[in-house]
Amino acid sequence: MKKKTILISSLILIIVVSMAAFSVVNTQKEEGDRLVIAFGDSLTYGYGDKKGSGYIDTLQSMLNKGNKKDFNFDNEAIYGLESSGILTQLSDVTIRGKLDEADYFILYIGTNDLINSNGENLKNLKHGQIEKGQAEYLKNLKAILNILTDKNEKAPILLLGLYNPYPDSAAIEAIINDWNKEIIKAAKKEKLVSYIPTNDLFKGKDKQKYFSDSLHLNDKGYQLIADRILEKYKFE
């Protein structure tokens, strides 16, 4: 009886291992496919788009339309995330283990770093606190870029700049411009990084047409982001 039980257990173990091996093989990219891994906060998550697409799903649809290659997107964005949160993600074994599989990275982070450094809003600007928040953000951004390039020496990184959710405020505009200048500097130090500007997209436009609330975009707003990415970068 014991021998029979051991035999059955062994067979079950063999089946489970075989299924796991098949699963691993099955999840590998097919020849010609492209994997894009995106990191970010609610803006990359797509919050505010009633269709649930955001700019990531929109970009995927646009890339795959009439394209011989299939572009698959892995959206790792989390609502409310700061740059430190992405570093935490990149220390996760599961995420870290697939970085070398990526053909492209998209990185769109910094809005929450800025807002939270000022006390979770952009009212009554506290420039000293914002400067401290910027310094911490830039340190994290450099670390993120270093990890991505160390783990994958071939995949281009699309680094999106911040936009001003309150374009009528000259004071906030000056801060956004300053943060973007530093983001551009960080991008120029890495040969794999391409900077994608977004701030000009919403200047002079009716905010109600492109925003779902005071900060987040709607489907039309995210469409502008997707269009801008394809305008500034050619996927191959």
Protein backbone atom coordinates (compact mmCIF):
# COMPACT_ATOMS: atom_id res chain seq x y z
CA MET A 1 0.00 0.00 0.00
CA LYS A 2 2.85 2.35 0.90
CA LYS A 3 4.63 1.56 -2.38
CA LYS A 4 1.45 2.35 -4.31
CA THR A 5 1.06 5.65 -2.48
CA ILE A 6 4.69 6.60 -3.16
CA LEU A 7 4.26 5.69 -6.83
CA ILE A 8 1.14 7.87 -7.17
CA SER A 9 2.85 10.76 -5.40
CA SER A 10 5.84 10.46 -7.72
CA LEU A 11 3.60 10.49 -10.78
CA ILE A 12 1.77 13.57 -9.54
CA LEU A 13 5.09 15.32 -8.91
CA ILE A 14 6.29 14.50 -12.43
CA ILE A 15 3.07 15.86 -13.93
CA VAL A 16 3.27 19.08 -11.92
CA VAL A 17 6.92 19.65 -12.87
CA SER A 18 6.14 18.93 -16.53
CA MET A 19 3.22 21.37 -16.51
CA ALA A 20 5.40 24.04 -14.91
CA ALA A 21 8.10 23.51 -17.51
CA PHE A 22 5.52 23.72 -20.29
CA SER A 23 4.16 26.92 -18.76
CA VAL A 24 7.63 28.51 -18.71
CA VAL A 25 8.22 27.61 -22.35
CA ASN A 26 4.74 28.78 -23.29
CA THR A 27 5.19 32.26 -21.76
CA GLN A 28 8.35 33.01 -23.71
CA LYS A 29 8.12 35.61 -26.46
CA GLU A 30 7.57 34.35 -29.95
CA GLU A 31 10.08 35.33 -32.61
CA GLY A 32 9.40 38.85 -33.82
CA ASP A 33 7.42 39.90 -30.75
CA ARG A 34 8.41 42.99 -28.78
CA LEU A 35 7.97 43.39 -25.03
CA VAL A 36 7.48 46.85 -23.54
CA ILE A 37 7.61 47.13 -19.74
CA ALA A 38 6.12 50.33 -18.30
CA PHE A 39 6.73 51.77 -14.85
CA GLY A 40 4.90 54.71 -13.34
CA ASP A 41 2.05 56.02 -11.24
CA SER A 42 -1.67 56.62 -11.90
CA LEU A 43 -0.91 58.40 -15.18
CA THR A 44 0.71 55.28 -16.61
CA TYR A 45 -1.91 53.11 -14.91
CA GLY A 46 -4.49 55.07 -16.92
CA TYR A 47 -6.58 56.49 -14.08
CA GLY A 48 -9.33 58.77 -15.37
CA ASP A 49 -9.86 57.05 -18.70
CA LYS A 50 -13.41 55.69 -18.63
CA LYS A 51 -12.43 53.14 -21.28
CA GLY A 52 -9.69 51.92 -18.98
CA SER A 53 -7.10 52.24 -21.73
CA GLY A 54 -4.84 55.09 -20.67
CA TYR A 55 -1.91 55.90 -22.92
CA ILE A 56 -0.36 52.43 -22.53
CA ASP A 57 -3.21 50.38 -24.02
CA THR A 58 -3.76 53.10 -26.62
CA LEU A 59 -0.10 52.97 -27.58
CA GLN A 60 -0.19 49.18 -27.82
CA SER A 61 -3.21 49.29 -30.15
CA MET A 62 -1.58 51.94 -32.33
CA LEU A 63 1.70 50.03 -32.59
CA ASN A 64 0.01 46.74 -33.46
CA LYS A 65 -2.24 48.24 -36.11
CA GLY A 66 -0.83 47.05 -39.40
CA ASN A 67 2.47 46.06 -37.80
CA LYS A 68 4.20 42.80 -38.68
CA LYS A 69 5.51 42.51 -35.13
CA ASP A 70 3.35 42.11 -32.05
CA PHE A 71 4.01 44.64 -29.30
CA ASN A 72 3.09 43.27 -25.90
CA PHE A 73 2.93 45.63 -22.92
CA ASP A 74 3.54 44.78 -19.29
CA ASN A 75 2.15 47.72 -17.31
CA GLU A 76 3.65 47.72 -13.80
CA ALA A 77 2.25 51.16 -12.89
CA ILE A 78 0.64 51.66 -9.47
CA TYR A 79 -1.68 54.46 -8.41
CA GLY A 80 0.01 56.94 -6.05
CA LEU A 81 3.52 55.64 -6.67
CA GLU A 82 6.59 57.82 -6.14
CA SER A 83 10.05 57.20 -7.57
CA SER A 84 11.03 55.36 -4.38
CA GLY A 85 8.17 52.94 -5.07
CA ILE A 86 9.66 51.98 -8.41
CA LEU A 87 12.95 51.19 -6.69
CA THR A 88 10.99 48.89 -4.39
CA GLN A 89 9.39 47.24 -7.43
CA LEU A 90 12.78 46.74 -9.05
CA SER A 91 14.01 44.91 -5.96
CA ASP A 92 11.19 42.38 -6.37
CA VAL A 93 12.51 39.09 -7.70
CA THR A 94 9.61 38.60 -10.11
CA ILE A 95 9.97 42.00 -11.76
CA ARG A 96 13.76 42.00 -11.65
CA GLY A 97 13.82 38.60 -13.34
CA LYS A 98 12.04 39.79 -16.48
CA LEU A 99 13.91 43.04 -17.07
CA ASP A 100 16.33 41.36 -19.45
CA GLU A 101 13.40 40.18 -21.59
CA ALA A 102 12.23 43.72 -22.36
CA ASP A 103 12.79 45.30 -25.77
CA TYR A 104 11.71 48.72 -24.47
CA PHE A 105 11.04 50.43 -21.17
CA ILE A 106 8.67 53.31 -20.51
CA LEU A 107 9.26 55.35 -17.37
CA TYR A 108 6.82 58.09 -16.35
CA ILE A 109 7.31 59.11 -12.74
CA GLY A 110 7.72 62.25 -10.63
CA THR A 111 4.29 63.83 -10.32
CA ASN A 112 3.63 62.35 -6.88
CA ASP A 113 7.17 63.14 -5.75
CA LEU A 114 6.52 66.79 -6.55
CA ILE A 115 3.01 66.99 -5.11
CA ASN A 116 3.83 65.10 -1.93
CA SER A 117 6.95 67.17 -1.28
CA ASN A 118 4.66 70.19 -1.05
CA GLY A 119 2.27 68.54 1.40
CA GLU A 120 0.18 66.39 -0.99
CA ASN A 121 -1.05 69.34 -3.06
CA LEU A 122 0.30 72.23 -5.10
CA LYS A 123 -1.31 74.99 -3.06
CA ASN A 124 0.80 77.47 -1.09
CA LEU A 125 4.04 76.41 -2.74
CA LYS A 126 6.83 75.64 -0.29
CA HIS A 127 9.93 76.00 -2.45
CA GLY A 128 12.36 74.71 0.17
CA GLN A 129 10.43 71.47 0.60
CA ILE A 130 10.00 71.12 -3.15
CA GLU A 131 13.75 71.46 -3.67
CA LYS A 132 14.38 68.71 -1.11
CA GLY A 133 11.79 66.54 -2.83
CA GLN A 134 13.43 67.17 -6.18
CA ALA A 135 16.87 66.18 -4.90
CA GLU A 136 15.48 62.90 -3.53
CA TYR A 137 13.57 62.29 -6.75
CA LEU A 138 16.63 62.83 -8.94
CA LYS A 139 18.66 60.45 -6.78
CA ASN A 140 15.95 57.81 -7.18
CA LEU A 141 15.62 58.48 -10.91
CA LYS A 142 19.34 57.94 -11.42
CA ALA A 143 19.16 54.68 -9.44
CA ILE A 144 16.17 53.48 -11.49
CA LEU A 145 17.94 54.20 -14.78
CA ASN A 146 21.08 52.48 -13.53
CA ILE A 147 19.16 49.33 -12.61
CA LEU A 148 17.34 49.19 -15.94
CA THR A 149 20.52 49.69 -17.97
CA ASP A 150 22.50 47.25 -15.82
CA LYS A 151 19.88 44.54 -16.20
CA ASN A 152 19.28 45.20 -19.88
CA GLU A 153 22.05 46.74 -21.97
CA LYS A 154 20.01 46.88 -25.19
CA ALA A 155 16.49 48.06 -24.37
CA PRO A 156 15.82 51.77 -25.02
CA ILE A 157 14.21 53.67 -22.14
CA LEU A 158 11.51 56.21 -22.95
CA LEU A 159 11.56 58.75 -20.12
CA LEU A 160 8.50 60.99 -20.10
CA GLY A 161 8.64 64.51 -18.74
CA LEU A 162 6.06 66.00 -16.38
CA TYR A 163 3.15 68.22 -17.38
CA ASN A 164 1.60 71.10 -15.51
CA PRO A 165 -1.96 70.17 -14.42
CA TYR A 166 -2.56 73.84 -13.66
CA PRO A 167 -1.30 75.57 -16.82
CA ASP A 168 -2.76 78.92 -15.75
CA SER A 169 -0.36 79.06 -12.79
CA ALA A 170 2.95 80.65 -13.76
CA ALA A 171 4.48 79.64 -10.40
CA ILE A 172 3.69 75.95 -10.92
CA GLU A 173 4.79 76.20 -14.55
CA ALA A 174 8.21 77.43 -13.42
CA ILE A 175 8.56 74.46 -11.05
CA ILE A 176 7.49 71.95 -13.71
CA ASN A 177 9.99 73.45 -16.15
CA ASP A 178 12.75 73.20 -13.55
CA TRP A 179 11.98 69.54 -12.80
CA ASN A 180 11.86 68.76 -16.51
CA LYS A 181 15.24 70.41 -17.08
CA GLU A 182 16.75 68.10 -14.47
CA ILE A 183 14.99 65.08 -15.99
CA ILE A 184 16.47 66.01 -19.38
CA LYS A 185 19.94 66.22 -17.82
CA ALA A 186 19.48 62.73 -16.34
CA ALA A 187 18.33 61.41 -19.73
CA LYS A 188 21.34 62.84 -21.56
CA LYS A 189 23.73 61.00 -19.26
CA GLU A 190 22.38 57.63 -20.41
CA LYS A 191 22.80 56.60 -24.07
CA LEU A 192 19.74 54.31 -23.97
CA VAL A 193 17.38 57.00 -22.64
CA SER A 194 15.13 59.12 -24.85
CA TYR A 195 13.30 62.05 -23.27
CA ILE A 196 9.65 62.54 -24.29
CA PRO A 197 8.20 65.99 -23.42
CA THR A 198 4.54 66.24 -22.39
CA ASN A 199 4.11 69.68 -20.81
CA ASP A 200 3.44 71.53 -24.05
CA LEU A 201 0.59 69.18 -24.96
CA PHE A 202 -1.96 70.89 -22.73
CA LYS A 203 -0.95 74.53 -23.00
CA GLY A 204 -3.66 76.73 -24.47
CA LYS A 205 -6.19 73.91 -24.47
CA ASP A 206 -9.54 73.64 -22.72
CA LYS A 207 -8.70 71.61 -19.62
CA GLN A 208 -12.22 70.14 -19.40
CA LYS A 209 -11.72 68.41 -22.74
CA TYR A 210 -8.55 66.57 -21.73
CA PHE A 211 -8.71 66.08 -17.96
CA SER A 212 -10.92 63.79 -15.88
CA ASP A 213 -10.18 65.74 -12.68
CA SER A 214 -7.74 68.40 -11.50
CA LEU A 215 -4.73 66.16 -12.14
CA HIS A 216 -5.57 63.08 -14.22
CA LEU A 217 -6.29 62.91 -17.91
CA ASN A 218 -9.27 61.44 -19.74
CA ASP A 219 -9.18 59.33 -22.90
CA LYS A 220 -8.46 62.37 -25.10
CA GLY A 221 -5.65 63.48 -22.83
CA TYR A 222 -4.04 60.04 -22.79
CA GLN A 223 -4.40 59.91 -26.56
CA LEU A 224 -2.23 63.02 -26.77
CA ILE A 225 0.42 61.27 -24.67
CA ALA A 226 0.36 58.18 -26.91
CA ASP A 227 0.55 60.34 -30.04
CA ARG A 228 3.48 62.26 -28.61
CA ILE A 229 5.42 59.07 -27.85
CA LEU A 230 5.01 57.86 -31.42
CA GLU A 231 5.86 61.33 -32.71
CA LYS A 232 9.14 61.47 -30.80
CA TYR A 233 10.22 57.83 -30.92
CA LYS A 234 10.24 55.22 -33.66
CA PHE A 235 9.63 51.69 -32.43
CA GLU A 236 11.29 48.98 -34.49
